N, C-alpha and C. Protein backbone atom coordinates (compact mmCIF):
# COMPACT_ATOMS: atom_id res chain seq x y z
N MET A 1 61.50 156.90 69.01
CA MET A 1 62.33 155.78 69.26
C MET A 1 61.49 154.61 69.77
N ARG A 2 61.72 153.48 69.22
CA ARG A 2 60.94 152.32 69.64
C ARG A 2 61.57 151.74 70.89
N GLY A 3 60.77 151.21 71.76
CA GLY A 3 61.25 150.59 72.99
C GLY A 3 61.44 149.09 72.82
N VAL A 4 62.30 148.57 73.62
CA VAL A 4 62.55 147.14 73.63
C VAL A 4 61.63 146.52 74.67
N ASN A 5 61.03 145.39 74.36
CA ASN A 5 60.13 144.73 75.29
C ASN A 5 60.98 144.02 76.34
N VAL A 6 61.22 144.73 77.43
CA VAL A 6 62.07 144.22 78.50
C VAL A 6 61.40 143.06 79.22
N ASN A 7 60.09 143.09 79.36
CA ASN A 7 59.40 142.00 80.06
C ASN A 7 59.60 140.67 79.34
N GLY A 8 59.52 140.66 78.03
CA GLY A 8 59.70 139.42 77.26
C GLY A 8 61.11 138.90 77.39
N LEU A 9 62.10 139.80 77.26
CA LEU A 9 63.50 139.41 77.35
C LEU A 9 63.85 138.98 78.77
N GLY A 10 63.31 139.68 79.76
CA GLY A 10 63.56 139.34 81.16
C GLY A 10 62.98 137.99 81.51
N GLY A 11 61.81 137.69 80.98
CA GLY A 11 61.18 136.39 81.24
C GLY A 11 62.02 135.25 80.68
N LEU A 12 62.58 135.44 79.48
CA LEU A 12 63.42 134.42 78.86
C LEU A 12 64.69 134.20 79.69
N VAL A 13 65.30 135.29 80.14
CA VAL A 13 66.51 135.19 80.96
C VAL A 13 66.20 134.45 82.26
N LEU A 14 65.06 134.73 82.87
CA LEU A 14 64.67 134.09 84.12
C LEU A 14 64.45 132.59 83.91
N VAL A 15 63.80 132.20 82.83
CA VAL A 15 63.58 130.78 82.55
C VAL A 15 64.91 130.07 82.32
N LEU A 16 65.82 130.69 81.56
CA LEU A 16 67.13 130.08 81.31
C LEU A 16 67.93 129.96 82.60
N ALA A 17 67.86 130.97 83.46
CA ALA A 17 68.59 130.93 84.72
C ALA A 17 68.06 129.83 85.63
N MET A 18 66.74 129.65 85.66
CA MET A 18 66.16 128.60 86.49
C MET A 18 66.55 127.21 85.98
N ALA A 19 66.58 127.06 84.67
CA ALA A 19 66.96 125.77 84.10
C ALA A 19 68.41 125.45 84.42
N ALA A 20 69.27 126.45 84.41
CA ALA A 20 70.69 126.23 84.69
C ALA A 20 70.91 125.86 86.16
N CYS A 21 70.07 126.35 87.07
CA CYS A 21 70.23 126.08 88.49
C CYS A 21 69.63 124.75 88.90
N ARG A 22 68.80 124.17 88.09
CA ARG A 22 68.17 122.90 88.41
C ARG A 22 69.23 121.81 88.52
N SER A 23 69.21 121.04 89.61
CA SER A 23 70.22 119.99 89.74
C SER A 23 69.83 118.82 88.84
N SER A 24 70.82 118.27 88.23
CA SER A 24 70.57 117.10 87.40
C SER A 24 71.40 115.95 87.95
N THR A 25 70.86 114.76 87.87
CA THR A 25 71.57 113.58 88.33
C THR A 25 72.48 113.12 87.22
N PRO A 26 73.79 113.08 87.50
CA PRO A 26 74.70 112.62 86.45
C PRO A 26 74.44 111.15 86.14
N THR A 27 74.57 110.81 84.91
CA THR A 27 74.38 109.41 84.53
C THR A 27 75.68 108.67 84.77
N ALA A 28 75.56 107.51 85.36
CA ALA A 28 76.73 106.69 85.63
C ALA A 28 77.25 106.09 84.33
N PRO A 29 78.56 105.99 84.21
CA PRO A 29 79.09 105.37 83.00
C PRO A 29 78.61 103.92 82.93
N SER A 30 78.41 103.43 81.74
CA SER A 30 77.94 102.06 81.60
C SER A 30 79.02 101.10 82.09
N MET A 31 78.57 100.07 82.81
CA MET A 31 79.50 99.10 83.37
C MET A 31 79.69 97.97 82.36
N PRO A 32 80.94 97.59 82.12
CA PRO A 32 81.16 96.48 81.19
C PRO A 32 80.64 95.18 81.80
N ASP A 33 80.18 94.28 80.96
CA ASP A 33 79.74 92.96 81.41
C ASP A 33 80.84 91.97 81.06
N VAL A 34 81.48 91.41 82.08
CA VAL A 34 82.59 90.49 81.85
C VAL A 34 82.17 89.03 81.92
N SER A 35 80.88 88.79 82.10
CA SER A 35 80.38 87.42 82.22
C SER A 35 80.66 86.61 80.97
N GLY A 36 80.97 85.34 81.17
CA GLY A 36 81.13 84.42 80.05
C GLY A 36 82.48 83.73 80.03
N ALA A 37 82.69 83.01 78.94
CA ALA A 37 83.94 82.26 78.73
C ALA A 37 84.99 83.17 78.11
N TRP A 38 86.22 82.99 78.55
CA TRP A 38 87.35 83.77 78.05
C TRP A 38 88.53 82.84 77.78
N LEU A 39 89.33 83.22 76.80
CA LEU A 39 90.59 82.54 76.52
C LEU A 39 91.70 83.50 76.91
N GLY A 40 92.65 83.03 77.70
CA GLY A 40 93.69 83.91 78.20
C GLY A 40 95.07 83.53 77.70
N GLU A 41 95.90 84.54 77.59
CA GLU A 41 97.32 84.35 77.30
C GLU A 41 98.09 85.05 78.40
N VAL A 42 98.98 84.34 79.06
CA VAL A 42 99.73 84.90 80.18
C VAL A 42 101.22 84.77 79.89
N THR A 43 101.97 85.79 80.29
CA THR A 43 103.42 85.80 80.10
C THR A 43 104.09 86.17 81.41
N LEU A 44 104.93 85.27 81.92
CA LEU A 44 105.69 85.55 83.13
C LEU A 44 106.68 86.67 82.81
N THR A 45 106.59 87.77 83.56
CA THR A 45 107.46 88.92 83.28
C THR A 45 108.61 89.04 84.29
N ASP A 46 108.39 88.53 85.52
CA ASP A 46 109.39 88.68 86.57
C ASP A 46 109.05 87.70 87.70
N PHE A 47 110.04 87.26 88.45
CA PHE A 47 109.76 86.35 89.56
C PHE A 47 110.83 86.46 90.62
N ASP A 48 110.47 85.98 91.80
CA ASP A 48 111.40 85.83 92.93
C ASP A 48 111.28 84.40 93.42
N GLY A 49 112.38 83.85 93.91
CA GLY A 49 112.36 82.52 94.49
C GLY A 49 112.30 81.43 93.44
N GLY A 50 111.65 80.34 93.80
CA GLY A 50 111.52 79.21 92.90
C GLY A 50 112.40 78.05 93.29
N GLU A 51 113.26 78.23 94.31
CA GLU A 51 114.16 77.18 94.76
C GLU A 51 114.92 76.66 93.55
N CYS A 52 115.04 75.36 93.37
CA CYS A 52 115.83 74.86 92.23
C CYS A 52 115.10 75.01 90.89
N LEU A 53 113.85 75.48 90.91
CA LEU A 53 113.12 75.72 89.66
C LEU A 53 113.40 77.11 89.08
N ALA A 54 114.19 77.92 89.76
CA ALA A 54 114.46 79.29 89.30
C ALA A 54 115.01 79.29 87.87
N GLY A 55 115.88 78.34 87.54
CA GLY A 55 116.42 78.25 86.18
C GLY A 55 115.32 77.98 85.16
N THR A 56 114.39 77.10 85.51
CA THR A 56 113.26 76.79 84.63
C THR A 56 112.40 78.03 84.41
N PHE A 57 112.10 78.75 85.51
CA PHE A 57 111.30 79.97 85.38
C PHE A 57 112.03 81.01 84.55
N HIS A 58 113.34 81.10 84.73
CA HIS A 58 114.13 82.04 83.93
C HIS A 58 113.99 81.71 82.46
N ASP A 59 114.01 80.42 82.12
CA ASP A 59 113.91 79.99 80.71
C ASP A 59 112.54 80.26 80.10
N ILE A 60 111.47 80.22 80.91
CA ILE A 60 110.14 80.44 80.34
C ILE A 60 109.66 81.88 80.44
N ALA A 61 110.38 82.71 81.20
CA ALA A 61 109.99 84.13 81.30
C ALA A 61 109.95 84.74 79.90
N GLY A 62 108.88 85.41 79.60
CA GLY A 62 108.71 86.05 78.29
C GLY A 62 108.00 85.19 77.27
N LEU A 63 107.81 83.89 77.58
CA LEU A 63 107.09 83.01 76.65
C LEU A 63 105.62 82.95 77.06
N PRO A 64 104.70 83.13 76.10
CA PRO A 64 103.28 83.10 76.46
C PRO A 64 102.76 81.69 76.71
N GLY A 65 101.80 81.58 77.61
CA GLY A 65 101.09 80.34 77.88
C GLY A 65 99.60 80.64 77.86
N GLN A 66 98.79 79.62 77.66
CA GLN A 66 97.35 79.84 77.59
C GLN A 66 96.64 79.32 78.83
N PHE A 67 95.49 79.91 79.10
CA PHE A 67 94.59 79.43 80.15
C PHE A 67 93.17 79.78 79.76
N HIS A 68 92.22 79.15 80.44
CA HIS A 68 90.81 79.41 80.20
C HIS A 68 90.19 79.99 81.46
N ALA A 69 89.22 80.87 81.28
CA ALA A 69 88.55 81.49 82.40
C ALA A 69 87.06 81.58 82.13
N THR A 70 86.28 81.45 83.18
CA THR A 70 84.84 81.69 83.12
C THR A 70 84.53 82.70 84.20
N LEU A 71 83.94 83.82 83.80
CA LEU A 71 83.60 84.89 84.73
C LEU A 71 82.09 85.03 84.83
N ALA A 72 81.61 85.35 86.03
CA ALA A 72 80.20 85.63 86.27
C ALA A 72 80.12 86.96 87.00
N GLN A 73 79.19 87.80 86.58
CA GLN A 73 79.08 89.14 87.15
C GLN A 73 77.65 89.40 87.59
N THR A 74 77.50 89.91 88.82
CA THR A 74 76.23 90.39 89.33
C THR A 74 76.49 91.79 89.87
N GLY A 75 75.98 92.80 89.18
CA GLY A 75 76.29 94.17 89.56
C GLY A 75 77.78 94.41 89.41
N THR A 76 78.43 94.84 90.48
CA THR A 76 79.88 95.05 90.43
C THR A 76 80.66 93.83 90.92
N ARG A 77 79.97 92.84 91.48
CA ARG A 77 80.63 91.65 92.02
C ARG A 77 80.95 90.67 90.89
N VAL A 78 82.17 90.14 90.92
CA VAL A 78 82.63 89.21 89.89
C VAL A 78 83.21 87.97 90.56
N THR A 79 82.84 86.80 90.05
CA THR A 79 83.47 85.55 90.45
C THR A 79 84.08 84.95 89.19
N ALA A 80 85.14 84.18 89.36
CA ALA A 80 85.82 83.61 88.20
C ALA A 80 86.37 82.24 88.55
N THR A 81 86.46 81.40 87.54
CA THR A 81 87.14 80.12 87.63
C THR A 81 88.18 80.11 86.52
N MET A 82 89.42 79.82 86.87
CA MET A 82 90.51 79.81 85.89
C MET A 82 91.36 78.58 86.06
N ASP A 83 91.76 77.98 84.93
CA ASP A 83 92.72 76.88 85.02
C ASP A 83 94.10 77.50 85.03
N ILE A 84 94.97 76.93 85.80
CA ILE A 84 96.33 77.44 85.95
C ILE A 84 97.25 76.40 85.30
N ASP A 85 97.62 76.66 84.06
CA ASP A 85 98.33 75.66 83.26
C ASP A 85 99.59 75.10 83.91
N HIS A 86 100.44 75.94 84.47
CA HIS A 86 101.73 75.43 84.95
C HIS A 86 101.62 74.61 86.23
N THR A 87 100.47 74.66 86.93
CA THR A 87 100.29 73.79 88.10
C THR A 87 99.23 72.73 87.86
N GLY A 88 98.38 72.95 86.87
CA GLY A 88 97.29 72.02 86.62
C GLY A 88 96.11 72.23 87.55
N ALA A 89 96.18 73.22 88.42
CA ALA A 89 95.10 73.50 89.36
C ALA A 89 94.02 74.35 88.68
N VAL A 90 92.83 74.29 89.25
CA VAL A 90 91.74 75.18 88.85
C VAL A 90 91.45 76.05 90.06
N CYS A 91 91.53 77.37 89.87
CA CYS A 91 91.36 78.29 90.99
C CYS A 91 90.09 79.13 90.81
N THR A 92 89.45 79.42 91.94
CA THR A 92 88.31 80.33 91.93
C THR A 92 88.75 81.67 92.50
N PHE A 93 88.15 82.70 91.96
CA PHE A 93 88.48 84.08 92.33
C PHE A 93 87.20 84.83 92.66
N THR A 94 87.32 85.84 93.50
CA THR A 94 86.23 86.78 93.72
C THR A 94 86.81 88.18 93.63
N GLY A 95 85.95 89.12 93.32
CA GLY A 95 86.40 90.50 93.24
C GLY A 95 85.31 91.39 92.71
N SER A 96 85.72 92.44 92.02
CA SER A 96 84.75 93.41 91.55
C SER A 96 85.24 94.10 90.28
N VAL A 97 84.27 94.69 89.61
CA VAL A 97 84.57 95.56 88.48
C VAL A 97 84.03 96.95 88.86
N GLN A 98 84.89 97.93 88.78
CA GLN A 98 84.54 99.32 89.09
C GLN A 98 84.92 100.15 87.88
N GLY A 99 83.93 100.65 87.16
CA GLY A 99 84.24 101.34 85.91
C GLY A 99 84.86 100.34 84.96
N ASP A 100 86.06 100.64 84.48
CA ASP A 100 86.73 99.70 83.58
C ASP A 100 87.82 98.89 84.28
N GLN A 101 87.87 98.93 85.62
CA GLN A 101 88.89 98.21 86.38
C GLN A 101 88.33 96.92 86.98
N LEU A 102 89.03 95.82 86.76
CA LEU A 102 88.66 94.52 87.29
C LEU A 102 89.72 94.10 88.30
N LEU A 103 89.28 93.75 89.51
CA LEU A 103 90.19 93.30 90.57
C LEU A 103 89.71 91.95 91.08
N LEU A 104 90.58 90.94 91.07
CA LEU A 104 90.23 89.60 91.51
C LEU A 104 91.32 89.02 92.41
N SER A 105 90.90 88.20 93.38
CA SER A 105 91.83 87.48 94.26
C SER A 105 91.35 86.04 94.40
N THR A 106 92.29 85.11 94.55
CA THR A 106 91.91 83.70 94.70
C THR A 106 91.17 83.47 96.01
N THR A 107 90.21 82.55 95.94
CA THR A 107 89.55 82.10 97.16
C THR A 107 89.97 80.68 97.48
N ASN A 108 90.19 79.87 96.44
CA ASN A 108 90.74 78.52 96.66
C ASN A 108 91.15 77.93 95.32
N CYS A 109 91.91 76.84 95.40
CA CYS A 109 92.37 76.13 94.21
C CYS A 109 92.22 74.63 94.45
N THR A 110 91.97 73.90 93.37
CA THR A 110 91.95 72.45 93.45
C THR A 110 93.39 71.96 93.58
N ASP A 111 93.53 70.71 93.92
CA ASP A 111 94.88 70.14 93.98
C ASP A 111 95.50 70.20 92.59
N PRO A 112 96.76 70.53 92.52
CA PRO A 112 97.43 70.59 91.22
C PRO A 112 97.54 69.20 90.61
N LYS A 113 97.59 69.17 89.31
CA LYS A 113 97.73 67.91 88.59
C LYS A 113 99.18 67.65 88.21
N ILE A 114 99.96 68.71 88.09
CA ILE A 114 101.36 68.58 87.68
C ILE A 114 102.22 68.74 88.92
N LEU A 115 102.83 67.68 89.36
CA LEU A 115 103.69 67.75 90.54
C LEU A 115 105.08 67.24 90.24
N ALA A 116 105.50 67.28 88.99
CA ALA A 116 106.82 66.75 88.64
C ALA A 116 107.50 67.68 87.66
N LEU A 117 108.16 68.70 88.19
CA LEU A 117 108.94 69.62 87.37
C LEU A 117 110.41 69.37 87.66
N PRO A 118 111.21 69.10 86.63
CA PRO A 118 112.62 68.79 86.86
C PRO A 118 113.45 70.05 87.12
N CYS A 119 114.35 69.94 88.05
CA CYS A 119 115.33 71.00 88.32
C CYS A 119 116.62 70.64 87.58
N SER A 120 117.48 71.62 87.39
CA SER A 120 118.74 71.36 86.70
C SER A 120 119.65 70.42 87.49
N ASN A 121 119.46 70.34 88.80
CA ASN A 121 120.28 69.45 89.63
C ASN A 121 119.71 68.03 89.73
N GLY A 122 118.61 67.75 89.00
CA GLY A 122 118.00 66.43 89.00
C GLY A 122 116.86 66.25 89.98
N ALA A 123 116.71 67.19 90.92
CA ALA A 123 115.60 67.11 91.87
C ALA A 123 114.27 67.33 91.13
N ILE A 124 113.22 66.77 91.67
CA ILE A 124 111.89 66.93 91.07
C ILE A 124 111.04 67.72 92.06
N ARG A 125 110.42 68.77 91.57
CA ARG A 125 109.62 69.65 92.41
C ARG A 125 108.21 69.79 91.87
N GLY A 126 107.33 70.27 92.72
CA GLY A 126 105.96 70.59 92.35
C GLY A 126 105.63 71.99 92.85
N LEU A 127 104.55 72.53 92.34
CA LEU A 127 104.08 73.85 92.78
C LEU A 127 102.67 73.70 93.35
N LEU A 128 102.45 74.25 94.53
CA LEU A 128 101.12 74.29 95.12
C LEU A 128 100.67 75.74 95.15
N PRO A 129 99.59 76.08 94.43
CA PRO A 129 99.11 77.46 94.42
C PRO A 129 98.76 77.91 95.84
N ASP A 130 99.19 79.12 96.17
CA ASP A 130 98.93 79.68 97.49
C ASP A 130 97.97 80.85 97.40
N ALA A 131 98.30 81.86 96.59
CA ALA A 131 97.44 83.03 96.43
C ALA A 131 97.77 83.72 95.12
N GLU A 132 96.76 84.34 94.54
CA GLU A 132 96.97 85.09 93.31
C GLU A 132 96.02 86.27 93.28
N SER A 133 96.49 87.39 92.77
CA SER A 133 95.64 88.56 92.59
C SER A 133 95.83 89.09 91.17
N LEU A 134 94.74 89.58 90.62
CA LEU A 134 94.75 90.12 89.26
C LEU A 134 94.20 91.53 89.27
N ARG A 135 94.80 92.39 88.48
CA ARG A 135 94.35 93.77 88.29
C ARG A 135 94.33 94.00 86.79
N ALA A 136 93.17 94.44 86.28
CA ALA A 136 93.05 94.53 84.82
C ALA A 136 92.15 95.68 84.41
N THR A 137 92.26 96.02 83.14
CA THR A 137 91.40 97.02 82.52
C THR A 137 90.51 96.31 81.50
N VAL A 138 89.21 96.57 81.59
CA VAL A 138 88.25 95.97 80.68
C VAL A 138 88.00 96.93 79.53
N ALA A 139 88.14 96.43 78.31
CA ALA A 139 87.90 97.24 77.11
C ALA A 139 86.95 96.48 76.20
N ASP A 140 86.52 97.12 75.13
CA ASP A 140 85.61 96.47 74.18
C ASP A 140 86.23 95.22 73.58
N THR A 141 87.54 95.22 73.41
CA THR A 141 88.21 94.12 72.73
C THR A 141 88.69 93.02 73.66
N GLY A 142 88.61 93.22 74.98
CA GLY A 142 89.06 92.19 75.91
C GLY A 142 89.46 92.78 77.25
N ILE A 143 90.22 92.01 77.99
CA ILE A 143 90.68 92.39 79.32
C ILE A 143 92.20 92.27 79.32
N VAL A 144 92.88 93.32 79.77
CA VAL A 144 94.34 93.35 79.78
C VAL A 144 94.79 93.70 81.20
N GLY A 145 95.73 92.92 81.74
CA GLY A 145 96.14 93.22 83.09
C GLY A 145 97.41 92.55 83.53
N THR A 146 97.61 92.58 84.85
CA THR A 146 98.77 91.98 85.47
C THR A 146 98.31 91.08 86.61
N ALA A 147 99.13 90.09 86.93
CA ALA A 147 98.82 89.16 88.01
C ALA A 147 100.06 88.97 88.87
N VAL A 148 99.82 88.74 90.15
CA VAL A 148 100.88 88.36 91.08
C VAL A 148 100.46 87.03 91.68
N GLU A 149 101.33 86.03 91.56
CA GLU A 149 101.02 84.67 92.01
C GLU A 149 102.06 84.23 93.01
N ASN A 150 101.60 83.62 94.11
CA ASN A 150 102.48 83.04 95.12
C ASN A 150 102.20 81.55 95.19
N ASP A 151 103.24 80.73 95.00
CA ASP A 151 103.13 79.28 95.06
C ASP A 151 104.16 78.74 96.03
N LYS A 152 103.84 77.60 96.63
CA LYS A 152 104.82 76.87 97.43
C LYS A 152 105.55 75.92 96.50
N VAL A 153 106.86 75.87 96.60
CA VAL A 153 107.65 74.87 95.88
C VAL A 153 107.76 73.70 96.83
N VAL A 154 107.36 72.51 96.35
CA VAL A 154 107.33 71.33 97.21
C VAL A 154 108.13 70.19 96.57
N VAL A 155 108.55 69.26 97.41
CA VAL A 155 109.14 68.03 96.90
C VAL A 155 108.02 67.31 96.16
N SER A 156 108.30 66.91 94.94
CA SER A 156 107.27 66.30 94.08
C SER A 156 106.53 65.17 94.78
N GLY A 157 105.21 65.19 94.66
CA GLY A 157 104.37 64.15 95.23
C GLY A 157 104.07 64.33 96.70
N THR A 158 104.57 65.42 97.30
CA THR A 158 104.33 65.67 98.72
C THR A 158 103.82 67.11 98.90
N THR A 159 103.57 67.46 100.14
CA THR A 159 103.26 68.85 100.47
C THR A 159 104.41 69.47 101.27
N ASN A 160 105.59 68.82 101.27
CA ASN A 160 106.77 69.31 102.00
C ASN A 160 107.35 70.51 101.27
N SER A 161 107.15 71.68 101.85
CA SER A 161 107.61 72.92 101.23
C SER A 161 109.12 73.07 101.34
N VAL A 162 109.76 73.38 100.20
CA VAL A 162 111.19 73.62 100.18
C VAL A 162 111.52 75.03 99.68
N GLY A 163 110.48 75.79 99.37
CA GLY A 163 110.71 77.15 98.89
C GLY A 163 109.42 77.83 98.50
N GLN A 164 109.57 79.04 98.04
CA GLN A 164 108.44 79.88 97.64
C GLN A 164 108.72 80.44 96.26
N PHE A 165 107.68 80.60 95.47
CA PHE A 165 107.78 81.22 94.16
C PHE A 165 106.78 82.36 94.11
N THR A 166 107.24 83.54 93.72
CA THR A 166 106.35 84.67 93.48
C THR A 166 106.59 85.12 92.05
N GLY A 167 105.56 85.02 91.24
CA GLY A 167 105.66 85.39 89.83
C GLY A 167 104.76 86.57 89.51
N ARG A 168 105.27 87.45 88.68
CA ARG A 168 104.48 88.58 88.18
C ARG A 168 104.32 88.38 86.68
N SER A 169 103.08 88.49 86.23
CA SER A 169 102.77 88.18 84.83
C SER A 169 101.90 89.26 84.22
N ALA A 170 101.95 89.32 82.91
CA ALA A 170 101.02 90.14 82.12
C ALA A 170 100.07 89.16 81.44
N PHE A 171 98.80 89.55 81.33
CA PHE A 171 97.85 88.65 80.67
C PHE A 171 96.86 89.44 79.82
N VAL A 172 96.28 88.72 78.88
CA VAL A 172 95.24 89.25 78.01
C VAL A 172 94.14 88.20 77.96
N LEU A 173 92.90 88.63 78.13
CA LEU A 173 91.75 87.74 77.98
C LEU A 173 90.94 88.21 76.80
N SER A 174 90.51 87.26 75.98
CA SER A 174 89.65 87.59 74.85
C SER A 174 88.54 86.55 74.77
N ARG A 175 87.44 86.96 74.17
CA ARG A 175 86.31 86.03 74.01
C ARG A 175 86.66 85.03 72.90
N PRO A 176 86.42 83.73 73.14
CA PRO A 176 86.74 82.74 72.10
C PRO A 176 85.82 82.87 70.88
């Protein structure tokens, strides 16, 4: 009867076992680069408040509007500048990208350019941006997410607050 070379087989098993026990550093998933110019489409999906502008917001809910954004990314840190069409303000945001999730919050906004929105009762109101946060998923084809915006409703041409507007929107960003 022929014998099996146990030493050769044992050596192979030992080498395979050592290789399996060796710790390996997992590779981090590649981080998307969101830097650059973006064209956005935003749709108001739901809102609270609005004072006498509530009827106007009700009429535009579900209709898309456009905006432009410029994002800059360093590591996971992201800064953004976005024009806010319905107020005419330009807002800056800071936040981060973690994996495929993008989170941004406003840091400040320029003075709005549009301060004359008519109410159904004839009053004229303006919107002053207060705060906005965005939560989105970054994909190969663009960025898709939701935003929550808080604005002060003011007597047109003044900073006299007469109400608050909180809008929730869905948005899509794509490269132009």
